[in-house]
């Protein structure tokens, strides 16, 4: 057998042998027996491969790679890298002796000493740059250049300049899309589509490209969701999931795997598939091993509890999220957390507990500088003032918020704050003003083609107001219904 091996051109293949030793080293298999058992290969075969007495069949090498959880698509790049290493090692007596004699112990020592050199080109193919954590710093600088450009200019830069086609810039632009979503849904979608454009043009191994595109498509789905295109969001997410899973083997752990279930939870929430949304939340929490997204995921969990009219569950999720969100680095999330907690406290009639926390919420909204944020804070101030019996202060706040919501055509917010204003008027016996308010609300709802059941509930209130027969109890029931019906079109109003 040994004589045959000397005449066999494939026998004593140093690249394949060193690849097998490297895989052993990576998994910590100290003996031939450990490797043989893991890969399902005979121990004697492993010994003959290791000693260079027989060529290593491709099938055997693939079995060892699979057992070592080494991506099969990287085998050829690995062999190319080892071939380059061997070429570079020529003329070095130690390397020459190792490759010539086939001494396994010395091979391991050599691999240990040269691990960085060997591992560096594993992902490399001509024209492809291996992704790494350091790319994020470059992406931050690239985003600083992009954010001052128009949407058309951004796409042009990505299309024409190689430096704008990196996985890290795709990740950064996708993250900016998430930041824009609450107040600028159209911009959120534009940025998500830009992230996808970057992913499609980024030079990468095919499988890693699939992973990156799946990540970007999930953000496109989220952009469509915040733009109220739920069918389009569902279609985008289905494609995202397929690409993401197809590229799993190539992900070196750079992309946070919690993002997909976290974004899917938001989509399922909007689709009223709330039990499924909560399952995706739990999945995202389990996958977020570094805790990078835990605070945001808990914010989503709180939002689901709010839709379920469970302020206690929402407040518990927010309390868990609070120490995880840094207001200096994440002012948007900090505002959402603190604002929603105060909303929960108002639903629980804990107005005195909520009032001292208003200052911090107001300060965060002012820092972000968005009109809607500031308006919602004013609305919240009105709710707390009303709960504490400061009627004049509450009325002023509700009227101010109502004007902005009406101008911005935010129909649901406009209706709810109008009803809360109506409550104050009714409690003061100002039924004529309540009637006028009701007529304005109904006209706006009809013009916006609001869901039938919500319109019917409002119609009941308006009819009662016209007869000056609207009561505080009826108004409160309609307010409570509209809070939930905004997120659940199938909800039915219980007529007394």
Protein backbone atom coordinates (compact mmCIF):
# COMPACT_ATOMS: atom_id res chain seq x y z
CA UNK A 1 0.00 0.00 0.00
CA UNK A 2 2.83 2.36 0.79
CA UNK A 3 4.47 1.74 -2.58
CA UNK A 4 1.18 2.45 -4.31
CA UNK A 5 0.82 5.65 -2.40
CA UNK A 6 4.17 6.89 -3.70
CA UNK A 7 2.94 6.44 -7.29
CA UNK A 8 -0.50 7.92 -6.64
CA UNK A 9 -0.50 11.60 -7.66
CA UNK A 10 -3.32 12.36 -5.16
CA UNK A 11 -1.66 10.57 -2.24
CA UNK A 12 0.17 12.55 0.42
CA UNK A 13 -1.87 15.65 -0.58
CA UNK A 14 -0.50 18.22 1.90
CA UNK A 15 -3.42 20.69 1.57
CA UNK A 16 -6.08 18.11 2.34
CA UNK A 17 -4.01 16.62 5.16
CA UNK A 18 -3.36 20.01 6.75
CA UNK A 19 -7.07 20.88 6.32
CA UNK A 20 -7.99 17.77 8.29
CA UNK A 21 -5.46 18.58 11.00
CA UNK A 22 -6.75 22.15 11.15
CA UNK A 23 -10.32 20.94 11.57
CA UNK A 24 -9.14 18.61 14.33
CA UNK A 25 -7.41 21.54 15.99
CA UNK A 26 -10.43 23.81 15.73
CA UNK A 27 -12.69 21.23 17.43
CA UNK A 28 -10.12 20.02 19.94
CA UNK A 29 -10.12 16.40 18.77
CA UNK A 30 -6.83 15.18 20.22
CA UNK A 31 -6.85 11.63 18.81
CA UNK A 32 -7.66 9.88 15.56
CA UNK A 33 -10.39 8.01 17.39
CA UNK A 34 -12.22 11.20 18.42
CA UNK A 35 -12.20 12.50 14.88
CA UNK A 36 -13.24 9.13 13.44
CA UNK A 37 -16.17 8.83 15.83
CA UNK A 38 -17.40 12.37 15.16
CA UNK A 39 -17.14 12.08 11.37
CA UNK A 40 -18.31 8.49 11.01
CA UNK A 41 -15.04 7.32 9.43
CA UNK A 42 -13.02 4.26 10.36
CA UNK A 43 -10.19 4.97 12.80
CA UNK A 44 -7.67 3.10 10.64
CA UNK A 45 -8.68 5.20 7.64
CA UNK A 46 -8.07 8.41 9.58
CA UNK A 47 -4.63 7.14 10.55
CA UNK A 48 -3.65 6.34 6.98
CA UNK A 49 -4.92 9.76 5.80
CA UNK A 50 -2.99 11.51 8.54
CA UNK A 51 0.21 9.63 7.77
CA UNK A 52 -0.05 10.37 4.05
CA UNK A 53 -0.40 6.72 3.10
CA UNK A 54 -3.66 7.32 1.26
CA UNK A 55 -5.19 10.27 -0.50
CA UNK A 56 -8.09 11.86 1.39
CA UNK A 57 -11.26 11.47 -0.70
CA UNK A 58 -13.38 14.60 -1.03
CA UNK A 59 -16.30 12.79 0.61
CA UNK A 60 -14.19 12.00 3.69
CA UNK A 61 -12.96 15.58 3.96
CA UNK A 62 -16.54 16.85 3.73
CA UNK A 63 -17.61 14.46 6.51
CA UNK A 64 -14.88 15.83 8.76
CA UNK A 65 -15.85 19.42 7.89
CA UNK A 66 -19.52 18.75 8.62
CA UNK A 67 -18.65 17.11 11.94
CA UNK A 68 -16.53 20.17 12.81
CA UNK A 69 -19.44 22.50 11.88
CA UNK A 70 -17.21 24.00 9.22
CA UNK A 71 -19.26 25.36 6.25
CA UNK A 72 -18.83 23.07 3.25
CA UNK A 73 -18.83 25.98 0.84
CA UNK A 74 -15.64 27.20 2.53
CA UNK A 75 -13.68 23.99 1.91
CA UNK A 76 -12.28 25.10 -1.43
CA UNK A 77 -11.26 28.56 -0.11
CA UNK A 78 -9.62 26.75 2.81
CA UNK A 79 -7.62 24.50 0.50
CA UNK A 80 -6.59 27.50 -1.61
CA UNK A 81 -5.47 29.30 1.53
CA UNK A 82 -3.43 26.33 2.69
CA UNK A 83 -1.87 26.01 -0.75
CA UNK A 84 -0.83 29.66 -0.56
CA UNK A 85 0.57 29.10 2.90
CA UNK A 86 2.57 26.10 1.74
CA UNK A 87 3.98 28.10 -1.14
CA UNK A 88 4.95 30.90 1.23
CA UNK A 89 6.58 28.36 3.56
CA UNK A 90 8.95 26.97 0.94
CA UNK A 91 12.58 27.36 1.86
CA UNK A 92 11.81 27.28 5.57
CA UNK A 93 13.46 24.14 6.87
CA UNK A 94 10.93 23.51 9.63
CA UNK A 95 7.94 23.83 7.31
CA UNK A 96 9.67 21.74 4.67
CA UNK A 97 10.42 18.98 7.17
CA UNK A 98 6.83 19.00 8.44
CA UNK A 99 5.28 18.75 4.99
CA UNK A 100 7.87 16.23 3.83
CA UNK A 101 7.81 13.89 6.76
CA UNK A 102 4.13 14.19 7.61
CA UNK A 103 4.71 14.32 11.35
CA UNK A 104 1.26 15.06 12.85
CA UNK A 105 2.58 16.46 16.09
CA UNK A 106 4.70 18.98 14.24
CA UNK A 107 1.79 19.82 11.95
CA UNK A 108 -0.27 20.77 14.99
CA UNK A 109 2.53 22.93 16.36
CA UNK A 110 2.86 24.61 12.99
CA UNK A 111 -0.89 25.23 12.77
CA UNK A 112 -0.89 26.71 16.26
CA UNK A 113 1.94 29.09 15.41
CA UNK A 114 0.53 30.02 12.01
CA UNK A 115 -3.20 29.96 12.86
CA UNK A 116 -3.74 33.64 12.12
CA UNK A 117 -2.03 33.37 8.77
CA UNK A 118 -4.01 30.27 7.81
CA UNK A 119 -7.40 31.46 9.02
CA UNK A 120 -7.16 34.94 7.48
CA UNK A 121 -7.96 33.89 3.91
CA UNK A 122 -10.64 31.31 4.73
CA UNK A 123 -13.45 33.45 3.40
CA UNK A 124 -11.37 35.06 0.71
CA UNK A 125 -11.86 34.66 -3.01
CA UNK A 126 -10.61 37.03 -5.71
CA UNK A 127 -12.37 40.41 -5.41
CA UNK A 128 -14.08 39.44 -2.13
CA UNK A 129 -13.29 41.14 1.18
CA UNK A 130 -13.81 39.10 4.32
CA UNK A 131 -16.33 40.80 6.65
CA UNK A 132 -15.13 41.84 10.09
CA UNK A 133 -16.16 43.84 13.14
CA UNK A 134 -13.74 46.64 12.21
CA UNK A 135 -15.95 47.43 9.18
CA UNK A 136 -18.50 49.11 11.48
CA UNK A 137 -16.20 52.06 12.20
CA UNK A 138 -15.82 52.69 8.48
CA UNK A 139 -19.60 52.36 8.03
CA UNK A 140 -20.20 55.10 10.61
CA UNK A 141 -18.01 57.49 8.62
CA UNK A 142 -19.72 56.51 5.36
CA UNK A 143 -23.14 57.12 6.89
CA UNK A 144 -22.04 60.59 7.99
CA UNK A 145 -21.48 61.32 4.32
CA UNK A 146 -24.70 59.72 3.14
CA UNK A 147 -27.14 61.23 5.60
CA UNK A 148 -26.75 64.74 4.18
CA UNK A 149 -27.58 63.52 0.66
CA UNK A 150 -30.92 63.12 -1.08
CA UNK A 151 -32.34 59.65 -1.67
CA UNK A 152 -31.28 59.75 -5.33
CA UNK A 153 -27.77 60.90 -4.42
CA UNK A 154 -27.38 58.08 -1.91
CA UNK A 155 -28.27 55.44 -4.46
CA UNK A 156 -25.93 57.00 -7.00
CA UNK A 157 -23.01 56.92 -4.55
CA UNK A 158 -23.67 53.27 -3.70
CA UNK A 159 -23.94 52.36 -7.36
CA UNK A 160 -20.78 54.16 -8.44
CA UNK A 161 -18.34 53.87 -5.51
CA UNK A 162 -17.03 50.57 -4.14
CA UNK A 163 -16.45 52.04 -0.68
CA UNK A 164 -20.21 52.36 -0.14
CA UNK A 165 -20.82 48.66 -0.82
CA UNK A 166 -20.10 46.94 2.49
CA UNK A 167 -22.05 44.67 4.80
CA UNK A 168 -21.52 47.08 7.71
CA UNK A 169 -22.97 50.05 5.83
CA UNK A 170 -25.98 47.89 4.94
CA UNK A 171 -26.38 47.15 8.65
CA UNK A 172 -25.97 50.82 9.62
CA UNK A 173 -28.47 52.10 7.05
CA UNK A 174 -30.97 49.44 8.13
CA UNK A 175 -30.55 50.62 11.72
CA UNK A 176 -31.19 54.22 10.66
CA UNK A 177 -34.39 52.98 9.02
CA UNK A 178 -35.57 51.65 12.39
CA UNK A 179 -34.78 55.01 14.03
CA UNK A 180 -36.78 56.93 11.41
CA UNK A 181 -39.84 54.65 11.52
CA UNK A 182 -41.88 56.27 14.37
CA UNK A 183 -42.02 59.78 12.91
CA UNK A 184 -40.85 59.44 9.30
CA UNK A 185 -42.27 56.21 7.86
CA UNK A 186 -41.54 57.13 4.23
CA UNK A 187 -37.93 57.85 5.05
CA UNK A 188 -37.76 54.58 6.98
CA UNK A 189 -38.84 52.68 3.88
CA UNK A 190 -36.43 54.61 1.66
CA UNK A 191 -33.52 53.79 3.97
CA UNK A 192 -34.50 50.12 4.19
CA UNK A 193 -34.59 49.92 0.39
CA UNK A 194 -31.17 51.60 0.29
CA UNK A 195 -29.85 48.96 2.71
CA UNK A 196 -31.16 46.27 0.36
CA UNK A 197 -29.52 48.01 -2.62
CA UNK A 198 -26.20 47.99 -0.74
CA UNK A 199 -26.62 44.31 0.15
CA UNK A 200 -27.29 43.38 -3.47
CA UNK A 201 -24.18 45.22 -4.71
CA UNK A 202 -21.77 44.27 -1.91
CA UNK A 203 -19.05 41.90 -3.19
CA UNK A 204 -19.40 38.75 -1.11
CA UNK A 205 -19.47 34.99 -1.19
CA UNK A 206 -22.90 33.94 -2.47
CA UNK A 207 -24.13 32.44 0.79
CA UNK A 208 -23.05 35.46 2.87
CA UNK A 209 -24.76 37.68 0.29
CA UNK A 210 -28.00 35.76 0.86
CA UNK A 211 -27.70 36.33 4.60
CA UNK A 212 -27.12 40.05 4.14
CA UNK A 213 -29.99 40.42 1.69
CA UNK A 214 -32.31 38.53 4.03
CA UNK A 215 -31.37 40.96 6.78
CA UNK A 216 -32.08 43.95 4.52
CA UNK A 217 -35.38 42.54 3.25
CA UNK A 218 -36.59 42.18 6.86
CA UNK A 219 -36.05 45.92 7.28
CA UNK A 220 -37.85 46.61 3.99
CA UNK A 221 -40.75 44.63 5.44
CA UNK A 222 -40.67 46.85 8.52
CA UNK A 223 -40.58 49.97 6.35
CA UNK A 224 -43.65 48.81 4.47
CA UNK A 225 -45.39 48.01 7.75
CA UNK A 226 -44.94 51.52 9.14
CA UNK A 227 -46.24 52.83 5.81
CA UNK A 228 -49.41 50.76 6.37
CA UNK A 229 -48.66 48.35 3.51
CA UNK A 230 -49.24 45.10 5.43
CA UNK A 231 -49.59 42.83 2.34
CA UNK A 232 -46.31 44.22 0.99
CA UNK A 233 -44.69 43.81 4.40
CA UNK A 234 -45.79 40.18 4.57
CA UNK A 235 -44.44 39.46 1.08
CA UNK A 236 -41.10 41.11 1.91
CA UNK A 237 -40.74 39.22 5.16
CA UNK A 238 -41.43 35.84 3.55
CA UNK A 239 -38.57 36.50 1.12
CA UNK A 240 -36.36 37.81 3.91
CA UNK A 241 -36.78 34.64 5.94
CA UNK A 242 -35.83 32.37 3.03
CA UNK A 243 -32.69 34.33 2.20
CA UNK A 244 -31.73 34.68 5.86
CA UNK A 245 -31.99 30.93 6.48
CA UNK A 246 -30.23 30.05 3.21
CA UNK A 247 -27.26 32.18 4.24
CA UNK A 248 -27.02 30.97 7.84
CA UNK A 249 -23.87 28.90 7.28
CA UNK A 250 -21.91 31.93 6.11
CA UNK A 251 -22.71 34.30 8.98
CA UNK A 252 -19.67 34.67 11.26
CA UNK A 253 -21.95 36.12 13.93
CA UNK A 254 -21.76 39.72 12.76
CA UNK A 255 -25.50 40.21 12.22
CA UNK A 256 -27.66 39.95 15.33
CA UNK A 257 -29.96 36.97 14.75
CA UNK A 258 -32.58 38.54 17.04
CA UNK A 259 -33.47 41.15 14.40
CA UNK A 260 -35.70 38.91 12.27
CA UNK A 261 -38.02 37.65 15.03
CA UNK A 262 -38.00 41.13 16.57
CA UNK A 263 -39.23 42.68 13.29
CA UNK A 264 -41.60 39.81 12.62
CA UNK A 265 -43.17 40.39 16.06
CA UNK A 266 -43.96 43.97 15.04
CA UNK A 267 -45.53 42.76 11.81
CA UNK A 268 -47.62 40.10 13.57
CA UNK A 269 -48.72 42.73 16.07
CA UNK A 270 -50.05 44.94 13.28
CA UNK A 271 -51.75 41.90 11.70
CA UNK A 272 -53.52 41.26 15.03
CA UNK A 273 -51.79 37.87 15.34
CA UNK A 274 -50.91 38.69 18.93
CA UNK A 275 -50.13 35.20 20.35
CA UNK A 276 -47.73 34.68 17.44
CA UNK A 277 -46.21 38.12 18.04
CA UNK A 278 -45.49 37.22 21.66
CA UNK A 279 -43.83 33.96 20.55
CA UNK A 280 -41.56 35.89 18.21
CA UNK A 281 -40.73 38.24 21.08
CA UNK A 282 -39.61 35.32 23.23
CA UNK A 283 -37.60 33.94 20.31
CA UNK A 284 -35.88 37.28 19.80
CA UNK A 285 -35.02 37.54 23.50
CA UNK A 286 -33.46 34.05 23.38
CA UNK A 287 -31.40 34.86 20.26
CA UNK A 288 -30.13 38.23 21.50
CA UNK A 289 -27.23 36.67 23.37
CA UNK A 290 -25.23 39.86 23.62
CA UNK A 291 -28.22 41.82 24.93
CA UNK A 292 -27.82 44.44 22.20
CA UNK A 293 -31.54 44.52 21.37
CA UNK A 294 -33.06 43.31 24.63
CA UNK A 295 -34.34 46.74 25.63
CA UNK A 296 -35.97 47.32 22.24
CA UNK A 297 -37.50 43.84 22.22
CA UNK A 298 -39.06 44.48 25.62
CA UNK A 299 -40.48 47.74 24.26
CA UNK A 300 -42.22 45.71 21.56
CA UNK A 301 -43.51 43.31 24.19
CA UNK A 302 -44.95 46.25 26.10
CA UNK A 303 -46.71 47.49 22.96
CA UNK A 304 -48.41 44.12 22.53
CA UNK A 305 -49.65 44.18 26.12
CA UNK A 306 -51.01 47.68 25.55
CA UNK A 307 -53.02 46.43 22.58
CA UNK A 308 -54.34 43.62 24.79
CA UNK A 309 -55.48 46.30 27.25
CA UNK A 310 -53.08 44.94 29.87
CA UNK A 311 -51.34 48.01 31.34
CA UNK A 312 -49.86 45.96 34.18
CA UNK A 313 -48.17 43.56 31.74
CA UNK A 314 -46.95 46.50 29.68
CA UNK A 315 -45.57 48.31 32.72
CA UNK A 316 -43.74 45.15 33.85
CA UNK A 317 -42.04 44.80 30.45
CA UNK A 318 -41.06 48.46 30.52
CA UNK A 319 -39.64 48.17 34.03
CA UNK A 320 -37.44 45.31 32.83
CA UNK A 321 -36.33 47.35 29.80
CA UNK A 322 -35.56 50.55 31.72
CA UNK A 323 -32.00 49.71 32.90
CA UNK A 324 -31.11 48.45 29.41
CA UNK A 325 -31.80 51.69 27.53
CA UNK A 326 -29.33 54.54 27.74
CA UNK A 327 -31.08 57.87 27.16
CA UNK A 328 -27.81 59.47 26.01
CA UNK A 329 -27.19 56.90 23.25
CA UNK A 330 -30.81 55.89 22.56
CA UNK A 331 -32.98 58.97 23.12
CA UNK A 332 -35.74 57.66 20.86
CA UNK A 333 -36.09 54.38 22.74
CA UNK A 334 -35.75 56.19 26.06
CA UNK A 335 -38.64 58.47 25.12
CA UNK A 336 -40.85 55.57 24.00
CA UNK A 337 -40.12 53.69 27.23
CA UNK A 338 -40.84 56.57 29.57
CA UNK A 339 -43.82 57.87 27.62
CA UNK A 340 -45.50 54.44 27.43
CA UNK A 341 -44.88 53.80 31.12
CA UNK A 342 -46.71 57.02 31.99
CA UNK A 343 -49.56 56.05 29.67
CA UNK A 344 -49.81 52.73 31.54
CA UNK A 345 -49.87 54.58 34.85
CA UNK A 346 -52.75 56.77 33.64
CA UNK A 347 -54.74 53.67 32.65
CA UNK A 348 -54.07 52.33 36.15
CA UNK A 349 -55.23 55.71 37.59
CA UNK A 350 -51.81 56.25 39.20
CA UNK A 351 -51.71 59.92 38.18
CA UNK A 352 -49.79 61.18 41.21
CA UNK A 353 -47.06 58.63 40.53
CA UNK A 354 -46.88 59.64 36.86
CA UNK A 355 -46.69 63.42 37.29
CA UNK A 356 -43.11 63.73 38.68
CA UNK A 357 -41.81 61.75 35.70
CA UNK A 358 -43.25 64.14 33.11
CA UNK A 359 -40.20 66.41 33.20
CA UNK A 360 -37.85 63.73 31.88
CA UNK A 361 -40.29 62.75 29.11
CA UNK A 362 -40.70 66.37 28.05
CA UNK A 363 -36.92 66.88 28.03
CA UNK A 364 -36.35 63.83 25.81
CA UNK A 365 -39.02 64.97 23.35
CA UNK A 366 -37.47 68.42 23.15
CA UNK A 367 -34.06 66.89 22.49
CA UNK A 368 -35.42 64.87 19.57
CA UNK A 369 -37.17 67.94 18.16
CA UNK A 370 -40.12 66.17 16.48
CA UNK A 371 -43.50 67.94 16.51
CA UNK A 372 -45.45 64.72 17.01
CA UNK A 373 -43.32 63.67 19.96
CA UNK A 374 -43.84 67.01 21.65
CA UNK A 375 -47.56 66.97 20.85
CA UNK A 376 -48.02 63.53 22.36
CA UNK A 377 -46.24 64.71 25.49
CA UNK A 378 -48.69 67.62 25.70
CA UNK A 379 -51.53 65.12 25.31
CA UNK A 380 -50.05 63.02 28.14
CA UNK A 381 -49.77 66.13 30.32
CA UNK A 382 -53.47 66.73 29.70
CA UNK A 383 -54.38 63.17 30.73
CA UNK A 384 -52.43 63.45 33.96
CA UNK A 385 -53.84 66.91 34.72
CA UNK A 386 -57.38 65.61 34.14
CA UNK A 387 -56.74 62.66 36.44
CA UNK A 388 -55.53 65.06 39.16
CA UNK A 389 -58.59 67.29 38.76
CA UNK A 390 -56.82 70.22 37.10
CA UNK A 391 -59.54 70.70 34.50
CA UNK A 392 -58.50 74.01 32.93
CA UNK A 393 -54.93 72.79 32.44
CA UNK A 394 -56.16 69.51 30.91
CA UNK A 395 -58.54 71.30 28.53
CA UNK A 396 -55.77 73.56 27.22
CA UNK A 397 -53.46 70.58 26.64
CA UNK A 398 -56.14 68.54 24.85
CA UNK A 399 -57.08 71.45 22.59
CA UNK A 400 -53.45 72.01 21.66
CA UNK A 401 -52.88 68.33 20.86
CA UNK A 402 -56.17 68.12 18.97
CA UNK A 403 -55.16 70.97 16.66
CA UNK A 404 -51.89 69.26 15.67
CA UNK A 405 -53.45 65.81 15.20
CA UNK A 406 -56.16 67.31 13.02
CA UNK A 407 -53.65 69.23 10.91
CA UNK A 408 -51.47 66.14 10.52
CA UNK A 409 -54.57 64.04 9.64
CA UNK A 410 -53.90 61.54 12.43
CA UNK A 411 -57.51 60.44 12.61
CA UNK A 412 -57.36 58.06 15.56
CA UNK A 413 -55.30 60.34 17.76
CA UNK A 414 -57.60 63.21 16.85
CA UNK A 415 -60.72 61.21 17.77
CA UNK A 416 -59.38 59.95 21.09
CA UNK A 417 -58.13 63.34 22.30
CA UNK A 418 -61.42 64.89 21.17
CA UNK A 419 -63.35 62.37 23.25
CA UNK A 420 -61.09 63.04 26.23
CA UNK A 421 -61.83 66.74 25.78
CA UNK A 422 -65.53 65.86 25.58
CA UNK A 423 -65.24 64.11 28.94
CA UNK A 424 -64.02 67.33 30.54
CA UNK A 425 -66.82 69.33 28.94
CA UNK A 426 -69.48 66.83 30.03
CA UNK A 427 -68.19 66.80 33.59
CA UNK A 428 -68.72 70.58 33.59
CA UNK A 429 -72.19 70.29 32.06
CA UNK A 430 -71.12 71.98 28.80
CA UNK A 431 -73.29 69.80 26.57
CA UNK A 432 -73.58 72.35 23.75
CA UNK A 433 -69.83 72.44 23.24
CA UNK A 434 -69.77 68.65 23.40
CA UNK A 435 -72.32 68.50 20.56
CA UNK A 436 -70.19 70.78 18.37
CA UNK A 437 -67.11 68.70 19.12
CA UNK A 438 -68.93 65.48 18.21
CA UNK A 439 -70.08 66.83 14.86
CA UNK A 440 -66.51 67.81 13.90
CA UNK A 441 -65.19 64.37 14.90
CA UNK A 442 -67.82 62.50 12.91
CA UNK A 443 -67.17 64.58 9.79
CA UNK A 444 -63.44 63.85 9.93
CA UNK A 445 -63.96 60.14 10.59
CA UNK A 446 -66.34 59.82 7.64
CA UNK A 447 -63.91 61.63 5.34
CA UNK A 448 -61.06 59.30 6.35
CA UNK A 449 -63.08 56.11 5.74
CA UNK A 450 -62.42 54.67 9.17
CA UNK A 451 -63.38 51.05 9.91
CA UNK A 452 -67.12 50.50 10.18
CA UNK A 453 -67.22 49.40 13.82
CA UNK A 454 -65.15 52.37 15.00
CA UNK A 455 -67.37 54.71 12.99
CA UNK A 456 -70.46 53.08 14.50
CA UNK A 457 -69.14 53.58 18.05
CA UNK A 458 -68.41 57.22 17.33
CA UNK A 459 -71.85 57.60 15.72
CA UNK A 460 -73.50 56.39 18.92
CA UNK A 461 -71.62 59.01 20.92
CA UNK A 462 -72.38 61.76 18.39
CA UNK A 463 -76.11 60.92 18.28
CA UNK A 464 -76.24 61.11 22.06
CA UNK A 465 -74.31 64.39 22.03
CA UNK A 466 -76.72 65.92 19.49
CA UNK A 467 -79.58 65.10 21.87
CA UNK A 468 -77.44 66.45 24.71
CA UNK A 469 -77.80 62.98 26.21
CA UNK A 470 -74.13 61.91 26.05
CA UNK A 471 -72.90 60.68 29.41
CA UNK A 472 -69.45 60.45 30.98
CA UNK A 473 -69.83 56.65 31.17
CA UNK A 474 -70.68 56.34 27.45
CA UNK A 475 -67.80 58.64 26.47
CA UNK A 476 -65.33 56.62 28.53
CA UNK A 477 -66.50 53.40 26.89
CA UNK A 478 -66.02 54.87 23.42
CA UNK A 479 -62.55 56.18 24.35
CA UNK A 480 -61.51 52.77 25.66
CA UNK A 481 -62.89 51.10 22.53
CA UNK A 482 -61.07 53.44 20.14
CA UNK A 483 -57.76 52.86 21.91
CA UNK A 484 -58.07 49.16 21.15
CA UNK A 485 -59.89 49.32 17.80
CA UNK A 486 -57.05 51.35 16.29
CA UNK A 487 -54.98 48.17 16.45
CA UNK A 488 -57.80 45.63 16.12
CA UNK A 489 -60.30 46.34 13.30
CA UNK A 490 -62.24 43.16 14.17
CA UNK A 491 -63.08 44.40 17.68
CA UNK A 492 -66.79 44.97 18.28
CA UNK A 493 -68.24 47.83 20.29
CA UNK A 494 -70.50 46.63 23.08
CA UNK A 495 -73.68 48.66 22.88
CA UNK A 496 -75.21 49.26 26.30
